[in-house]
Amino acid sequence: MVAQLLRLRADLLAGEVRGGARRSVAVVLGSLVALVAVLWAASVLGGLRTADPLVARSVVVLVGTAVALGCTLIPFALGVADQLDPRRFTAFGIGQRDLAVGLGLAGLLGIPVVAVAVLAVAQVVTWSRGAGPALMAVVAAVLVLATAALLIRVGSTLGALAFAGHRPREATWPVVLVGIVLVVPSVALLLRPDWLDLAAPGLQRLTDVAGWTPWGAAWAVPADAAAGHVGTAVARLLVALVVVGLLGLAWWALVGRVLVAVPHPDRVHRHRTLGWFDRLGATPFGAVAARALTYWTRDPRYRSSYLILVFVPLVVLPLGIAGVPWAWTALVPLPLMALIAGFLPHNDVSYDNTAVWLHVASGAPGWTDRLGRLVPLIVVGVPLLVAGAAVSAALYGDMDAFPLLVAVSASGLLGGLGLSSIVSVALPYPTVRPGDHPFHQPQAAGATATFAQTLMVVGTVLCMVPAGWFAVRALIGAEHPSTALVLGVGIGVGVVVLVIGVAVGGAVFDRRGPDLLAAAQRN
């Protein structure tokens, strides 16, 4: 049975190039590009054999960790298209052991695992600096390959279970997002490893932390052995072994579960109250705010927005690698997250689709619609902004940066929300329909989408400029504006733009209500 599954996998791979001419050309070219990229990365890793151990350690561990994270997240997003999904074999009466082992081995026949194998061999060359490190590197290569293969199998199966019923192309955006986040810092490391500041404690701490994670433990084993830290190398070797063991158990359990699981009918939820609608009162503003809070809590289209904010702090990696002092990189994520949070509701009316008629037909004042939709982002965003400013200032090493971060981020968040209140009614464009997959975008949104998004980004950045100017001048020591002045400028600009945005957006909503309903029906 294992041999049959291996032959099936080989036939599936061969079938990728037997389709139409366009598909065959795309598969061949994509495979060649991937092969060239992997061979280039392997040559860079192999060339680190004569480099300083700290440089080699940072590059190998961080790049390896990024590769392992890719083997976790990308298969999870694409799991619905997995050809080796165990559920596809439930009707053939294959035992759990044969299916788990057969599909596990068949998973080794694929471009991702082969690419990881090439990099694993390359790191053996990197650490061939003596018998001990070389032996550890060989053991680590086996663990790296086993970890990657199991991560792909487990991630794909979990993704198939999580996204059952959705089309594969709907995962395009999360895959692209994850790919960019992982590829950018990895390429920066491989292109110019000499950029690394060996004295920078931030980079070394990042490498140390990555080496203790399930994704980086195996990659860090030979690095510690080459540096003479035998005890640490052994400890990380044990972590890597435990990770492989747990992944193996998880794969075994998943295969066993899908072989016997019976689809359950949708559960009927009984609610004794009206939730937010009871809490916020029977007023136009309260009803819109309750509806918005319900959307942001339950609607997958809104929840998918959180994914973007989670990955934003990772932008510090390419900045730090490029030579920006690690302390300064701590100041970047929060203003960027505030900008994105203010940008999120810029097309909120289109998310309602035809349900926007409720707001139009009720005759509620436009400002109640505009302000009510912003309640979730204001209620949650402002406390998180303050907490994030405190964390960023602590990482920066100077709590005097706290009010500066609050000012800049508040102007971005509040100013962005004010602009969104106007743009969402003046420039609505097609977006994800209710009930569709969060990442299933319309085929074409037209020039309106590009213009609206550009206007939002440029406008929000302009709102942040005054407070940003004072903050930069204070941080570089050019001048020392008072805390009250900086906070007044940042929060004042944000509040003024928010008030104007709600007022203007409300007036536009009152005037264009029927047009908004017609635009929503075209989505």
Protein backbone atom coordinates (compact mmCIF):
# COMPACT_ATOMS: atom_id res chain seq x y z
CA MET A 1 0.00 0.00 0.00
CA VAL A 2 2.85 2.41 0.79
CA ALA A 3 4.39 1.71 -2.62
CA GLN A 4 1.05 2.38 -4.31
CA LEU A 5 0.71 5.72 -2.55
CA LEU A 6 4.24 6.66 -3.61
CA ARG A 7 3.44 5.77 -7.22
CA LEU A 8 0.23 7.79 -6.98
CA ARG A 9 2.21 10.79 -5.77
CA ALA A 10 4.67 10.43 -8.64
CA ASP A 11 1.79 10.20 -11.13
CA LEU A 12 0.17 13.32 -9.66
CA LEU A 13 3.43 15.24 -10.02
CA ALA A 14 3.80 14.08 -13.61
CA GLY A 15 0.20 15.04 -14.28
CA GLU A 16 0.99 18.66 -13.38
CA VAL A 17 2.87 19.03 -16.69
CA ARG A 18 0.42 17.02 -18.79
CA GLY A 19 -2.40 19.54 -18.72
CA GLY A 20 -2.96 22.40 -21.13
CA ALA A 21 -0.04 24.21 -22.70
CA ARG A 22 -0.43 27.26 -20.48
CA ARG A 23 -0.54 25.17 -17.32
CA SER A 24 2.44 23.07 -18.37
CA VAL A 25 4.54 26.12 -19.18
CA ALA A 26 3.59 27.76 -15.85
CA VAL A 27 4.47 24.63 -13.86
CA VAL A 28 7.82 24.15 -15.64
CA LEU A 29 8.84 27.80 -15.37
CA GLY A 30 7.76 27.97 -11.72
CA SER A 31 9.73 24.84 -10.91
CA LEU A 32 12.83 26.18 -12.66
CA VAL A 33 12.60 29.50 -10.83
CA ALA A 34 12.20 27.71 -7.53
CA LEU A 35 15.16 25.44 -8.33
CA VAL A 36 17.41 28.38 -9.23
CA ALA A 37 16.39 30.27 -6.08
CA VAL A 38 17.03 27.26 -3.84
CA LEU A 39 20.41 26.52 -5.44
CA TRP A 40 21.41 30.16 -5.04
CA ALA A 41 20.40 30.13 -1.36
CA ALA A 42 22.27 26.86 -0.87
CA SER A 43 25.40 28.34 -2.43
CA VAL A 44 25.20 31.31 -0.06
CA LEU A 45 24.83 29.02 2.95
CA GLY A 46 27.71 26.86 1.75
CA GLY A 47 29.86 29.95 1.29
CA LEU A 48 29.44 30.78 4.98
CA ARG A 49 31.76 27.90 5.89
CA THR A 50 34.67 30.35 6.23
CA ALA A 51 32.61 33.19 7.71
CA ASP A 52 32.57 34.26 11.32
CA PRO A 53 30.52 31.73 13.35
CA LEU A 54 28.23 34.48 14.61
CA VAL A 55 27.45 35.65 11.07
CA ALA A 56 26.84 32.08 9.88
CA ARG A 57 24.72 31.33 12.93
CA SER A 58 22.47 34.35 12.43
CA VAL A 59 21.95 33.72 8.71
CA VAL A 60 21.38 29.96 8.93
CA VAL A 61 19.10 30.01 11.97
CA LEU A 62 16.94 32.95 10.87
CA VAL A 63 16.61 31.78 7.27
CA GLY A 64 15.91 28.22 8.43
CA THR A 65 13.27 29.46 10.84
CA ALA A 66 11.59 31.43 8.04
CA VAL A 67 11.61 28.33 5.82
CA ALA A 68 10.04 26.21 8.57
CA LEU A 69 7.39 28.88 9.21
CA GLY A 70 6.60 28.84 5.51
CA CYS A 71 6.20 25.06 5.69
CA THR A 72 3.64 25.66 8.45
CA LEU A 73 1.58 28.60 7.26
CA ILE A 74 1.46 28.24 3.48
CA PRO A 75 0.27 24.59 3.48
CA PHE A 76 -2.35 25.55 6.05
CA ALA A 77 -3.70 28.25 3.71
CA LEU A 78 -3.61 25.91 0.70
CA GLY A 79 -4.83 22.80 2.54
CA VAL A 80 -8.15 22.78 0.71
CA ALA A 81 -6.24 22.00 -2.51
CA ASP A 82 -4.04 19.29 -0.99
CA GLN A 83 -3.95 16.23 -3.25
CA LEU A 84 -2.80 14.07 -0.33
CA ASP A 85 -5.62 15.06 1.99
CA PRO A 86 -6.33 11.89 4.04
CA ARG A 87 -10.07 12.44 3.60
CA ARG A 88 -9.71 11.64 -0.09
CA PHE A 89 -8.79 8.04 0.85
CA THR A 90 -11.47 7.28 3.45
CA ALA A 91 -13.57 5.27 0.98
CA PHE A 92 -10.79 2.82 0.08
CA GLY A 93 -10.61 0.91 3.36
CA ILE A 94 -6.93 1.72 4.00
CA GLY A 95 -5.77 1.21 7.58
CA GLN A 96 -4.58 4.11 9.71
CA ARG A 97 -0.98 2.88 9.84
CA ASP A 98 -0.66 2.31 6.08
CA LEU A 99 -2.32 5.62 5.26
CA ALA A 100 -0.30 7.66 7.75
CA VAL A 101 3.04 6.14 6.73
CA GLY A 102 2.22 6.07 3.01
CA LEU A 103 1.02 9.66 2.80
CA GLY A 104 3.87 10.81 5.04
CA LEU A 105 6.46 9.26 2.73
CA ALA A 106 4.61 10.39 -0.38
CA GLY A 107 4.78 13.92 0.97
CA LEU A 108 8.56 13.76 0.61
CA LEU A 109 8.09 13.75 -3.17
CA GLY A 110 7.43 17.40 -3.74
CA ILE A 111 9.21 20.64 -4.56
CA PRO A 112 8.87 22.17 -1.04
CA VAL A 113 10.44 19.19 0.73
CA VAL A 114 13.15 18.81 -1.93
CA ALA A 115 13.97 22.51 -1.52
CA VAL A 116 14.26 22.10 2.24
CA ALA A 117 16.48 19.04 1.70
CA VAL A 118 18.84 21.08 -0.48
CA LEU A 119 19.10 23.80 2.18
CA ALA A 120 19.60 21.16 4.88
CA VAL A 121 22.54 19.72 2.95
CA ALA A 122 23.92 23.23 2.41
CA GLN A 123 23.97 23.89 6.15
CA VAL A 124 26.01 20.71 6.58
CA VAL A 125 28.62 22.37 4.38
CA THR A 126 28.35 25.55 6.45
CA TRP A 127 29.19 23.71 9.69
CA SER A 128 31.87 21.39 8.34
CA ARG A 129 34.41 22.99 10.64
CA GLY A 130 35.34 19.91 12.58
CA ALA A 131 34.11 16.41 13.31
CA GLY A 132 31.71 17.45 16.09
CA PRO A 133 29.90 20.30 14.30
CA ALA A 134 29.78 18.29 11.05
CA LEU A 135 28.17 15.32 12.82
CA MET A 136 25.67 17.61 14.53
CA ALA A 137 24.90 19.23 11.16
CA VAL A 138 24.14 15.83 9.59
CA VAL A 139 21.77 14.95 12.45
CA ALA A 140 20.23 18.40 12.22
CA ALA A 141 19.69 17.97 8.46
CA VAL A 142 17.67 14.81 9.08
CA LEU A 143 15.60 16.57 11.75
CA VAL A 144 15.10 19.63 9.53
CA LEU A 145 13.79 17.45 6.71
CA ALA A 146 11.52 15.43 9.01
CA THR A 147 10.18 18.58 10.66
CA ALA A 148 9.43 20.27 7.34
CA ALA A 149 7.71 17.21 5.89
CA LEU A 150 5.53 16.73 8.98
CA LEU A 151 4.72 20.45 9.21
CA ILE A 152 3.52 20.38 5.61
CA ARG A 153 1.38 17.27 6.18
CA VAL A 154 -0.12 18.49 9.45
CA GLY A 155 -0.63 22.05 8.18
CA SER A 156 -2.27 20.89 4.95
CA THR A 157 -4.66 18.56 6.78
CA LEU A 158 -5.63 21.19 9.34
CA GLY A 159 -6.13 23.72 6.55
CA ALA A 160 -8.32 21.29 4.63
CA LEU A 161 -10.47 20.79 7.74
CA ALA A 162 -10.62 24.50 8.54
CA PHE A 163 -11.42 25.74 5.03
CA ALA A 164 -13.58 22.87 3.81
CA GLY A 165 -15.96 23.95 1.09
CA HIS A 166 -13.92 26.90 -0.19
CA ARG A 167 -12.10 27.12 -3.52
CA PRO A 168 -8.29 26.95 -3.57
CA ARG A 169 -7.81 30.30 -5.30
CA GLU A 170 -9.53 32.02 -2.37
CA ALA A 171 -6.32 31.41 -0.38
CA THR A 172 -4.26 33.58 -2.76
CA TRP A 173 -4.09 36.64 -0.52
CA PRO A 174 -3.01 34.94 2.71
CA VAL A 175 -0.40 32.93 0.81
CA VAL A 176 0.97 36.07 -0.82
CA LEU A 177 1.00 37.88 2.51
CA VAL A 178 2.79 35.07 4.34
CA GLY A 179 5.21 34.65 1.46
CA ILE A 180 6.19 38.32 1.45
CA VAL A 181 6.62 38.44 5.22
CA LEU A 182 8.93 35.40 5.15
CA VAL A 183 10.79 36.01 1.90
CA VAL A 184 11.78 39.66 2.35
CA PRO A 185 13.93 39.23 5.49
CA SER A 186 15.34 35.92 4.21
CA VAL A 187 16.50 37.45 0.92
CA ALA A 188 17.97 40.42 2.79
CA LEU A 189 19.98 38.03 4.97
CA LEU A 190 21.21 35.95 2.04
CA LEU A 191 22.09 38.87 -0.22
CA ARG A 192 24.26 40.75 2.22
CA PRO A 193 25.20 38.78 5.34
CA ASP A 194 28.05 41.25 5.85
CA TRP A 195 25.42 43.84 6.85
CA LEU A 196 24.94 42.07 10.14
CA ASP A 197 26.26 43.99 13.11
CA LEU A 198 27.85 41.30 15.26
CA ALA A 199 27.82 43.61 18.25
CA ALA A 200 24.09 44.26 17.98
CA PRO A 201 22.50 42.47 20.95
CA GLY A 202 19.06 42.67 19.35
CA LEU A 203 20.01 40.44 16.42
CA GLN A 204 21.69 37.90 18.66
CA ARG A 205 18.69 37.80 20.98
CA LEU A 206 16.43 37.27 17.98
CA THR A 207 18.63 34.38 16.82
CA ASP A 208 18.67 32.88 20.31
CA VAL A 209 14.88 33.04 20.57
CA ALA A 210 14.43 31.54 17.10
CA GLY A 211 16.76 28.70 18.06
CA TRP A 212 14.47 27.64 20.88
CA THR A 213 11.30 27.59 18.80
CA PRO A 214 9.94 24.45 17.10
CA TRP A 215 10.83 26.00 13.74
CA GLY A 216 14.42 26.95 14.46
CA ALA A 217 15.69 24.42 17.03
CA ALA A 218 17.06 21.93 14.51
CA TRP A 219 18.79 24.67 12.50
CA ALA A 220 20.50 26.03 15.63
CA VAL A 221 22.00 22.72 16.84
CA PRO A 222 25.21 22.71 14.70
CA ALA A 223 25.63 26.47 15.15
CA ASP A 224 25.93 26.06 18.92
CA ALA A 225 28.23 23.06 18.48
CA ALA A 226 30.53 25.09 16.21
CA ALA A 227 30.60 27.91 18.78
CA GLY A 228 31.63 25.47 21.50
CA HIS A 229 28.32 25.56 23.38
CA VAL A 230 27.89 21.80 23.54
CA GLY A 231 25.33 21.86 26.35
CA THR A 232 23.11 24.30 24.50
CA ALA A 233 23.47 22.26 21.29
CA VAL A 234 22.35 19.10 23.07
CA ALA A 235 19.41 20.90 24.70
CA ARG A 236 18.25 22.24 21.34
CA LEU A 237 18.74 18.79 19.82
CA LEU A 238 16.34 17.41 22.42
CA VAL A 239 13.84 20.18 21.59
CA ALA A 240 14.07 19.31 17.89
CA LEU A 241 13.54 15.61 18.63
CA VAL A 242 10.51 16.38 20.79
CA VAL A 243 9.10 18.58 18.02
CA VAL A 244 9.44 15.77 15.47
CA GLY A 245 7.85 13.34 17.89
CA LEU A 246 4.90 15.62 18.62
CA LEU A 247 4.36 16.36 14.94
CA GLY A 248 4.42 12.63 14.21
CA LEU A 249 1.78 12.04 16.89
CA ALA A 250 -0.29 14.91 15.54
CA TRP A 251 -0.16 13.47 12.01
CA TRP A 252 -1.11 10.02 13.31
CA ALA A 253 -4.03 11.47 15.27
CA LEU A 254 -5.28 13.55 12.33
CA VAL A 255 -5.25 10.56 9.97
CA GLY A 256 -7.09 8.48 12.54
CA ARG A 257 -9.65 11.21 13.08
CA VAL A 258 -10.53 11.77 9.41
CA LEU A 259 -10.91 8.02 8.86
CA VAL A 260 -13.68 7.73 11.43
CA ALA A 261 -15.10 11.27 11.63
CA VAL A 262 -18.70 11.75 10.56
CA PRO A 263 -19.74 15.23 9.38
CA HIS A 264 -21.97 16.87 11.96
CA PRO A 265 -24.95 18.97 10.93
CA ASP A 266 -24.74 22.64 11.68
CA ARG A 267 -25.56 23.36 15.28
CA VAL A 268 -28.46 25.59 16.07
CA HIS A 269 -27.49 28.38 18.46
CA ARG A 270 -30.18 29.70 20.75
CA HIS A 271 -29.65 33.20 22.08
CA ARG A 272 -31.57 34.46 25.09
CA THR A 273 -30.69 38.12 24.50
CA LEU A 274 -30.01 40.40 21.57
CA GLY A 275 -26.38 40.84 22.63
CA TRP A 276 -24.97 44.26 21.82
CA PHE A 277 -28.38 45.50 20.72
CA ASP A 278 -29.68 45.08 24.29
CA ARG A 279 -26.62 46.74 25.80
CA LEU A 280 -26.42 49.83 23.58
CA GLY A 281 -30.06 50.85 23.64
CA ALA A 282 -32.79 51.43 21.06
CA THR A 283 -31.37 54.53 19.37
CA PRO A 284 -30.12 54.93 15.79
CA PHE A 285 -26.52 55.34 16.96
CA GLY A 286 -26.79 52.41 19.39
CA ALA A 287 -28.29 50.14 16.74
CA VAL A 288 -25.54 50.91 14.22
CA ALA A 289 -22.83 50.53 16.85
CA ALA A 290 -24.29 47.20 18.00
CA ARG A 291 -24.45 45.98 14.42
CA ALA A 292 -20.85 47.01 13.82
CA LEU A 293 -19.65 45.30 17.00
CA THR A 294 -21.48 42.13 15.96
CA TYR A 295 -19.90 42.24 12.52
CA TRP A 296 -16.37 42.73 13.84
CA THR A 297 -16.87 39.90 16.32
CA ARG A 298 -18.53 37.25 14.13
CA ASP A 299 -18.06 38.06 10.45
CA PRO A 300 -15.03 36.20 8.99
CA ARG A 301 -14.47 39.05 6.52
CA TYR A 302 -13.77 41.41 9.39
CA ARG A 303 -11.84 38.88 11.44
CA SER A 304 -9.51 38.26 8.52
CA SER A 305 -8.37 41.87 8.90
CA TYR A 306 -6.77 40.94 12.21
CA LEU A 307 -4.39 38.70 10.27
CA ILE A 308 -2.78 41.73 8.65
CA LEU A 309 -2.23 43.49 11.98
CA VAL A 310 -0.68 40.37 13.50
CA PHE A 311 2.02 40.27 10.84
CA VAL A 312 2.82 44.00 10.89
CA PRO A 313 5.46 43.77 13.69
CA LEU A 314 7.50 41.46 11.45
CA VAL A 315 8.42 44.44 9.26
CA VAL A 316 11.17 45.17 11.77
CA LEU A 317 13.13 42.14 10.55
CA PRO A 318 14.20 43.50 7.14
CA LEU A 319 14.79 46.92 8.69
CA GLY A 320 17.08 45.50 11.35
CA ILE A 321 18.85 43.29 8.85
CA ALA A 322 19.38 46.25 6.53
CA GLY A 323 21.32 48.03 9.26
CA VAL A 324 18.69 50.11 11.07
CA PRO A 325 19.48 50.02 14.81
CA TRP A 326 17.25 47.45 16.46
CA ALA A 327 16.14 49.94 19.11
CA TRP A 328 14.77 52.24 16.41
CA THR A 329 12.86 49.42 14.75
CA ALA A 330 10.74 49.14 17.92
CA LEU A 331 9.19 52.51 17.03
CA VAL A 332 7.96 51.42 13.59
CA PRO A 333 5.19 48.80 14.08
CA LEU A 334 2.72 50.80 16.20
CA PRO A 335 2.26 53.83 13.87
CA LEU A 336 2.03 51.44 10.92
CA MET A 337 -0.60 49.35 12.71
CA ALA A 338 -2.53 52.54 13.54
CA LEU A 339 -2.45 53.56 9.89
CA ILE A 340 -3.75 50.15 8.80
CA ALA A 341 -6.46 50.13 11.49
CA GLY A 342 -7.71 53.52 10.28
CA PHE A 343 -7.65 52.21 6.71
CA LEU A 344 -9.72 49.07 7.40
CA PRO A 345 -13.27 50.55 7.34
CA HIS A 346 -12.69 52.66 4.20
CA ASN A 347 -15.08 50.39 2.22
CA ASP A 348 -17.33 49.36 5.09
CA VAL A 349 -20.61 50.19 3.31
CA SER A 350 -19.84 47.69 0.54
CA TYR A 351 -19.37 44.96 3.16
CA ASP A 352 -23.06 45.40 4.02
CA ASN A 353 -24.00 44.48 0.46
CA THR A 354 -27.78 44.83 0.00
CA ALA A 355 -28.30 45.00 3.78
CA VAL A 356 -27.35 48.68 3.64
CA TRP A 357 -31.01 49.30 2.77
CA LEU A 358 -31.74 48.96 6.52
CA HIS A 359 -29.74 52.12 7.17
CA VAL A 360 -31.20 53.95 4.18
CA ALA A 361 -34.84 52.99 4.74
CA SER A 362 -34.81 53.68 8.50
CA GLY A 363 -34.26 57.38 7.91
CA ALA A 364 -31.57 57.51 10.61
CA PRO A 365 -29.27 60.56 10.43
CA GLY A 366 -26.17 59.92 8.38
CA TRP A 367 -23.79 60.86 11.19
CA THR A 368 -25.18 58.03 13.35
CA ASP A 369 -24.27 55.54 10.62
CA ARG A 370 -20.81 57.04 10.19
CA LEU A 371 -19.95 57.21 13.90
CA GLY A 372 -21.65 53.95 14.86
CA ARG A 373 -19.53 51.96 12.40
CA LEU A 374 -16.34 53.31 14.02
CA VAL A 375 -17.22 52.24 17.57
CA PRO A 376 -15.43 48.84 17.47
CA LEU A 377 -12.18 50.33 16.19
CA ILE A 378 -12.26 53.22 18.65
CA VAL A 379 -13.26 51.18 21.71
CA VAL A 380 -10.68 48.46 21.04
CA GLY A 381 -8.07 50.45 19.14
CA VAL A 382 -7.47 53.29 21.61
CA PRO A 383 -6.61 51.09 24.65
CA LEU A 384 -4.44 48.84 22.48
CA LEU A 385 -2.72 51.91 21.07
CA VAL A 386 -1.78 53.10 24.56
CA ALA A 387 -0.61 49.63 25.60
CA GLY A 388 1.37 49.24 22.37
CA ALA A 389 3.03 52.61 22.88
CA ALA A 390 4.18 51.53 26.33
CA VAL A 391 5.60 48.25 24.99
CA SER A 392 7.33 49.97 22.06
CA ALA A 393 8.84 52.63 24.31
CA ALA A 394 10.14 49.94 26.67
CA LEU A 395 11.73 48.05 23.78
CA TYR A 396 13.22 51.31 22.53
CA GLY A 397 14.80 51.79 25.93
CA ASP A 398 13.44 55.25 26.73
CA MET A 399 9.97 55.84 28.15
CA ASP A 400 10.13 59.44 26.94
CA ALA A 401 9.13 57.99 23.57
CA PHE A 402 5.77 56.89 25.01
CA PRO A 403 3.86 60.19 24.49
CA LEU A 404 5.48 60.61 21.07
CA LEU A 405 4.23 57.20 19.95
CA VAL A 406 0.75 57.89 21.35
CA ALA A 407 0.58 61.20 19.48
CA VAL A 408 1.72 59.85 16.11
CA SER A 409 -0.37 56.69 16.33
CA ALA A 410 -3.49 58.52 17.54
CA SER A 411 -3.32 60.92 14.60
CA GLY A 412 -3.04 57.96 12.24
CA LEU A 413 -5.87 55.94 13.82
CA LEU A 414 -8.37 58.74 14.38
CA GLY A 415 -7.46 60.59 11.18
CA GLY A 416 -7.76 57.38 9.17
CA LEU A 417 -11.16 56.63 10.68
CA GLY A 418 -12.33 60.15 9.81
CA LEU A 419 -11.21 59.79 6.21
CA SER A 420 -12.77 56.32 6.04
CA SER A 421 -16.11 57.84 7.05
CA ILE A 422 -16.04 59.93 3.88
CA VAL A 423 -14.38 57.50 1.46
CA SER A 424 -16.67 54.56 2.28
CA VAL A 425 -19.75 56.52 1.13
CA ALA A 426 -18.16 58.65 -1.58
CA LEU A 427 -16.08 55.93 -3.29
CA PRO A 428 -17.57 52.47 -2.55
CA TYR A 429 -16.26 49.63 -4.70
CA PRO A 430 -17.03 45.89 -5.01
CA THR A 431 -15.69 43.71 -2.22
CA VAL A 432 -16.26 40.32 -0.60
CA ARG A 433 -19.92 39.34 -0.45
CA PRO A 434 -21.47 38.21 2.85
CA GLY A 435 -20.98 34.47 3.27
CA ASP A 436 -18.05 34.28 0.82
CA HIS A 437 -14.54 33.31 1.83
CA PRO A 438 -12.79 36.33 3.41
CA PHE A 439 -10.05 36.29 0.76
CA HIS A 440 -12.33 35.73 -2.23
CA GLN A 441 -12.02 39.12 -3.94
CA PRO A 442 -14.10 40.23 -6.95
CA GLN A 443 -12.48 39.73 -10.34
CA ALA A 444 -12.21 43.48 -10.94
CA ALA A 445 -13.02 46.40 -8.68
CA GLY A 446 -12.13 49.07 -11.27
CA ALA A 447 -10.14 52.27 -10.90
CA THR A 448 -12.34 53.37 -7.99
CA ALA A 449 -10.68 50.86 -5.67
CA THR A 450 -7.19 52.03 -6.55
CA PHE A 451 -8.12 55.68 -6.18
CA ALA A 452 -9.93 55.15 -2.87
CA GLN A 453 -7.10 53.14 -1.35
CA THR A 454 -4.44 55.58 -2.53
CA LEU A 455 -6.44 58.51 -1.20
CA MET A 456 -6.78 56.78 2.16
CA VAL A 457 -3.09 56.00 2.53
CA VAL A 458 -1.90 59.45 1.42
CA GLY A 459 -4.50 61.24 3.53
CA THR A 460 -3.72 59.23 6.67
CA VAL A 461 0.02 59.80 6.25
CA LEU A 462 -0.61 63.54 5.94
CA CYS A 463 -2.57 63.41 9.20
CA MET A 464 0.44 61.83 10.88
CA VAL A 465 2.99 64.30 9.52
CA PRO A 466 2.59 67.12 12.13
CA ALA A 467 2.96 64.84 15.16
CA GLY A 468 5.60 62.80 13.33
CA TRP A 469 7.67 65.92 12.71
CA PHE A 470 7.74 66.84 16.40
CA ALA A 471 8.41 63.21 17.38
CA VAL A 472 11.38 62.82 15.04
CA ARG A 473 12.87 66.14 16.12
CA ALA A 474 12.55 65.09 19.75
CA LEU A 475 14.07 61.65 19.21
CA ILE A 476 17.12 62.92 17.33
CA GLY A 477 17.68 65.64 19.92
CA ALA A 478 17.15 68.57 17.54
CA GLU A 479 14.58 70.11 19.88
CA HIS A 480 12.62 69.19 22.97
CA PRO A 481 8.95 70.04 22.52
CA SER A 482 6.76 69.66 25.55
CA THR A 483 4.81 66.46 25.98
CA ALA A 484 1.56 68.42 26.07
CA LEU A 485 2.38 70.05 22.72
CA VAL A 486 3.14 66.77 20.99
CA LEU A 487 0.06 65.04 22.41
CA GLY A 488 -2.07 68.08 21.60
CA VAL A 489 -0.93 68.16 17.99
CA GLY A 490 -1.26 64.40 17.44
CA ILE A 491 -4.55 63.82 19.21
CA GLY A 492 -5.93 67.22 18.10
CA VAL A 493 -5.33 66.54 14.41
CA GLY A 494 -6.84 63.06 14.74
CA VAL A 495 -9.95 64.28 16.58
CA VAL A 496 -10.51 67.21 14.19
CA VAL A 497 -10.25 64.97 11.11
CA LEU A 498 -12.51 62.39 12.80
CA VAL A 499 -15.21 64.96 13.59
CA ILE A 500 -15.04 66.49 10.12
CA GLY A 501 -15.07 63.03 8.53
CA VAL A 502 -18.15 61.92 10.47
CA ALA A 503 -19.98 65.17 9.68
CA VAL A 504 -19.09 65.23 5.97
CA GLY A 505 -19.57 61.47 5.60
CA GLY A 506 -22.97 61.72 7.29
CA ALA A 507 -24.06 64.47 4.91
CA VAL A 508 -22.91 62.42 1.91
CA PHE A 509 -24.74 59.38 3.28
CA ASP A 510 -27.96 61.38 3.63
CA ARG A 511 -27.68 62.64 0.08
CA ARG A 512 -26.45 59.47 -1.65
CA GLY A 513 -28.43 56.82 0.23
CA PRO A 514 -30.23 55.39 -2.85
CA ASP A 515 -26.99 55.51 -4.86
CA LEU A 516 -25.20 53.54 -2.14
CA LEU A 517 -27.91 50.89 -2.27
CA ALA A 518 -27.55 50.65 -6.04
CA ALA A 519 -23.76 50.40 -5.72
CA ALA A 520 -24.10 47.63 -3.13
CA GLN A 521 -26.35 45.64 -5.46
CA ARG A 522 -23.64 45.74 -8.13
CA ASN A 523 -21.09 44.10 -5.79
